[in-house]
Amino acid sequence: MPKSEYDNEVILNHQFLNQQPIYVEPQTETQTQAVMVASSEPILSETLQTRMVEPFQKFALLLVFGLVVFVAVIFGYKKVTGRRPSREAMNFLQTIIVVMAFFAFIKLM
């Protein structure tokens, strides 16, 4: 017997999760078509989350990481040499970081 309300909830959840799926044979042509369409289409929310949001979140994270590396390199160069790097060197470093983030994004997809 369950000793507390929590134990009762755990038992109910366990019983719910271990249920076998119920399969009902479609009776009409419309029901058959509905079953075929439903079984062939992916779940919309899962598809949008996986294919649309996650890659862009990864790409944004890679760009933020690249920005941190860029700032660290600029400050490190300034601390070591005592002067700022040239504009061309900073642009070149930015280009390298964006290209690396893009290729990492492609690799992660």
C-alpha atoms as a PDB file:
ATOM      1  CA  MET A   1       0.000   0.000   0.000  1.00  0.00           C
ATOM      2  CA  PRO A   2       1.224   3.528  -0.703  1.00  0.00           C
ATOM      3  CA  LYS A   3       2.409   5.318   2.401  1.00  0.00           C
ATOM      4  CA  SER A   4       2.066   8.863   1.129  1.00  0.00           C
ATOM      5  CA  GLU A   5       0.489  10.911  -1.617  1.00  0.00           C
ATOM      6  CA  TYR A   6       3.850  10.990  -3.420  1.00  0.00           C
ATOM      7  CA  ASP A   7       4.041   7.165  -3.443  1.00  0.00           C
ATOM      8  CA  ASN A   8       0.513   7.032  -4.839  1.00  0.00           C
ATOM      9  CA  GLU A   9       1.502   9.460  -7.619  1.00  0.00           C
ATOM     10  CA  VAL A  10       4.580   7.390  -8.480  1.00  0.00           C
ATOM     11  CA  ILE A  11       2.442   4.252  -8.734  1.00  0.00           C
ATOM     12  CA  LEU A  12      -0.099   6.011 -10.974  1.00  0.00           C
ATOM     13  CA  ASN A  13       2.651   7.395 -13.233  1.00  0.00           C
ATOM     14  CA  HIS A  14       4.258   3.962 -13.471  1.00  0.00           C
ATOM     15  CA  GLN A  15       0.926   2.398 -14.430  1.00  0.00           C
ATOM     16  CA  PHE A  16       0.276   5.140 -16.994  1.00  0.00           C
ATOM     17  CA  LEU A  17       3.715   4.858 -18.625  1.00  0.00           C
ATOM     18  CA  ASN A  18       3.541   1.064 -18.899  1.00  0.00           C
ATOM     19  CA  GLN A  19       0.243   0.990 -20.786  1.00  0.00           C
ATOM     20  CA  GLN A  20       0.228  -0.718 -24.138  1.00  0.00           C
ATOM     21  CA  PRO A  21      -0.882   1.364 -27.143  1.00  0.00           C
ATOM     22  CA  ILE A  22      -4.388   0.694 -28.397  1.00  0.00           C
ATOM     23  CA  TYR A  23      -4.665   0.011 -32.114  1.00  0.00           C
ATOM     24  CA  VAL A  24      -8.047   0.425 -33.776  1.00  0.00           C
ATOM     25  CA  GLU A  25      -8.426  -0.862 -37.304  1.00  0.00           C
ATOM     26  CA  PRO A  26      -9.754   1.911 -39.610  1.00  0.00           C
ATOM     27  CA  GLN A  27     -13.252   1.086 -40.843  1.00  0.00           C
ATOM     28  CA  THR A  28     -13.765   3.525 -43.727  1.00  0.00           C
ATOM     29  CA  GLU A  29     -11.688   4.900 -46.578  1.00  0.00           C
ATOM     30  CA  THR A  30     -11.525   8.325 -44.901  1.00  0.00           C
ATOM     31  CA  GLN A  31     -10.194   6.810 -41.691  1.00  0.00           C
ATOM     32  CA  THR A  32      -7.621   4.815 -43.672  1.00  0.00           C
ATOM     33  CA  GLN A  33      -6.414   7.972 -45.431  1.00  0.00           C
ATOM     34  CA  ALA A  34      -6.279   9.834 -42.111  1.00  0.00           C
ATOM     35  CA  VAL A  35      -4.144   7.083 -40.581  1.00  0.00           C
ATOM     36  CA  MET A  36      -1.803   7.109 -43.601  1.00  0.00           C
ATOM     37  CA  VAL A  37      -1.382  10.895 -43.473  1.00  0.00           C
ATOM     38  CA  ALA A  38      -0.924  10.961 -39.703  1.00  0.00           C
ATOM     39  CA  SER A  39       1.670   8.194 -39.763  1.00  0.00           C
ATOM     40  CA  SER A  40       3.668   9.728 -42.630  1.00  0.00           C
ATOM     41  CA  GLU A  41       3.910  13.290 -41.245  1.00  0.00           C
ATOM     42  CA  PRO A  42       6.475  14.093 -38.546  1.00  0.00           C
ATOM     43  CA  ILE A  43       5.388  15.783 -35.350  1.00  0.00           C
ATOM     44  CA  LEU A  44       5.357  19.507 -36.174  1.00  0.00           C
ATOM     45  CA  SER A  45       6.646  20.914 -32.902  1.00  0.00           C
ATOM     46  CA  GLU A  46       9.518  18.418 -32.713  1.00  0.00           C
ATOM     47  CA  THR A  47      10.439  19.048 -36.340  1.00  0.00           C
ATOM     48  CA  LEU A  48      10.460  22.830 -35.962  1.00  0.00           C
ATOM     49  CA  GLN A  49      12.440  22.646 -32.725  1.00  0.00           C
ATOM     50  CA  THR A  50      15.042  20.276 -34.133  1.00  0.00           C
ATOM     51  CA  ARG A  51      15.437  21.556 -37.660  1.00  0.00           C
ATOM     52  CA  MET A  52      14.844  25.292 -37.292  1.00  0.00           C
ATOM     53  CA  VAL A  53      15.746  26.507 -33.819  1.00  0.00           C
ATOM     54  CA  GLU A  54      18.629  24.329 -32.672  1.00  0.00           C
ATOM     55  CA  PRO A  55      21.001  24.956 -35.608  1.00  0.00           C
ATOM     56  CA  PHE A  56      20.545  28.714 -35.330  1.00  0.00           C
ATOM     57  CA  GLN A  57      21.099  28.567 -31.575  1.00  0.00           C
ATOM     58  CA  LYS A  58      24.325  26.647 -32.200  1.00  0.00           C
ATOM     59  CA  PHE A  59      25.411  29.147 -34.839  1.00  0.00           C
ATOM     60  CA  ALA A  60      24.666  32.079 -32.522  1.00  0.00           C
ATOM     61  CA  LEU A  61      26.611  30.366 -29.746  1.00  0.00           C
ATOM     62  CA  LEU A  62      29.551  29.820 -32.100  1.00  0.00           C
ATOM     63  CA  LEU A  63      29.501  33.484 -33.119  1.00  0.00           C
ATOM     64  CA  VAL A  64      29.438  34.601 -29.480  1.00  0.00           C
ATOM     65  CA  PHE A  65      32.345  32.265 -28.755  1.00  0.00           C
ATOM     66  CA  GLY A  66      34.165  33.738 -31.776  1.00  0.00           C
ATOM     67  CA  LEU A  67      33.548  37.259 -30.451  1.00  0.00           C
ATOM     68  CA  VAL A  68      35.046  36.262 -27.095  1.00  0.00           C
ATOM     69  CA  VAL A  69      38.104  34.838 -28.862  1.00  0.00           C
ATOM     70  CA  PHE A  70      38.381  38.004 -30.976  1.00  0.00           C
ATOM     71  CA  VAL A  71      38.297  40.287 -27.921  1.00  0.00           C
ATOM     72  CA  ALA A  72      40.787  38.063 -26.082  1.00  0.00           C
ATOM     73  CA  VAL A  73      43.220  38.142 -29.014  1.00  0.00           C
ATOM     74  CA  ILE A  74      42.934  41.931 -29.376  1.00  0.00           C
ATOM     75  CA  PHE A  75      43.506  42.558 -25.652  1.00  0.00           C
ATOM     76  CA  GLY A  76      46.307  39.995 -25.535  1.00  0.00           C
ATOM     77  CA  TYR A  77      48.051  41.598 -28.510  1.00  0.00           C
ATOM     78  CA  LYS A  78      47.686  45.048 -26.969  1.00  0.00           C
ATOM     79  CA  LYS A  79      49.036  43.847 -23.615  1.00  0.00           C
ATOM     80  CA  VAL A  80      52.056  42.105 -25.184  1.00  0.00           C
ATOM     81  CA  THR A  81      53.039  44.755 -27.739  1.00  0.00           C
ATOM     82  CA  GLY A  82      51.669  47.882 -26.082  1.00  0.00           C
ATOM     83  CA  ARG A  83      49.819  48.977 -29.223  1.00  0.00           C
ATOM     84  CA  ARG A  84      46.589  48.063 -30.964  1.00  0.00           C
ATOM     85  CA  PRO A  85      46.629  45.778 -33.987  1.00  0.00           C
ATOM     86  CA  SER A  86      46.014  47.362 -37.367  1.00  0.00           C
ATOM     87  CA  ARG A  87      42.506  47.639 -38.804  1.00  0.00           C
ATOM     88  CA  GLU A  88      43.394  45.117 -41.535  1.00  0.00           C
ATOM     89  CA  ALA A  89      44.581  42.568 -38.967  1.00  0.00           C
ATOM     90  CA  MET A  90      41.354  42.941 -36.961  1.00  0.00           C
ATOM     91  CA  ASN A  91      39.214  42.573 -40.101  1.00  0.00           C
ATOM     92  CA  PHE A  92      41.192  39.493 -41.122  1.00  0.00           C
ATOM     93  CA  LEU A  93      40.737  37.950 -37.665  1.00  0.00           C
ATOM     94  CA  GLN A  94      36.994  38.668 -37.764  1.00  0.00           C
ATOM     95  CA  THR A  95      36.736  37.016 -41.174  1.00  0.00           C
ATOM     96  CA  ILE A  96      38.591  33.932 -39.955  1.00  0.00           C
ATOM     97  CA  ILE A  97      36.326  33.618 -36.899  1.00  0.00           C
ATOM     98  CA  VAL A  98      33.103  33.980 -38.924  1.00  0.00           C
ATOM     99  CA  VAL A  99      34.296  31.421 -41.497  1.00  0.00           C
ATOM    100  CA  MET A 100      35.263  28.981 -38.729  1.00  0.00           C
ATOM    101  CA  ALA A 101      31.858  29.453 -37.058  1.00  0.00           C
ATOM    102  CA  PHE A 102      30.111  28.891 -40.396  1.00  0.00           C
ATOM    103  CA  PHE A 103      31.987  25.659 -41.118  1.00  0.00           C
ATOM    104  CA  ALA A 104      31.379  24.435 -37.555  1.00  0.00           C
ATOM    105  CA  PHE A 105      27.678  25.262 -38.057  1.00  0.00           C
ATOM    106  CA  ILE A 106      27.601  23.235 -41.288  1.00  0.00           C
ATOM    107  CA  LYS A 107      29.397  20.352 -39.571  1.00  0.00           C
ATOM    108  CA  LEU A 108      26.904  20.354 -36.646  1.00  0.00           C
ATOM    109  CA  MET A 109      23.808  20.230 -38.880  1.00  0.00           C
END
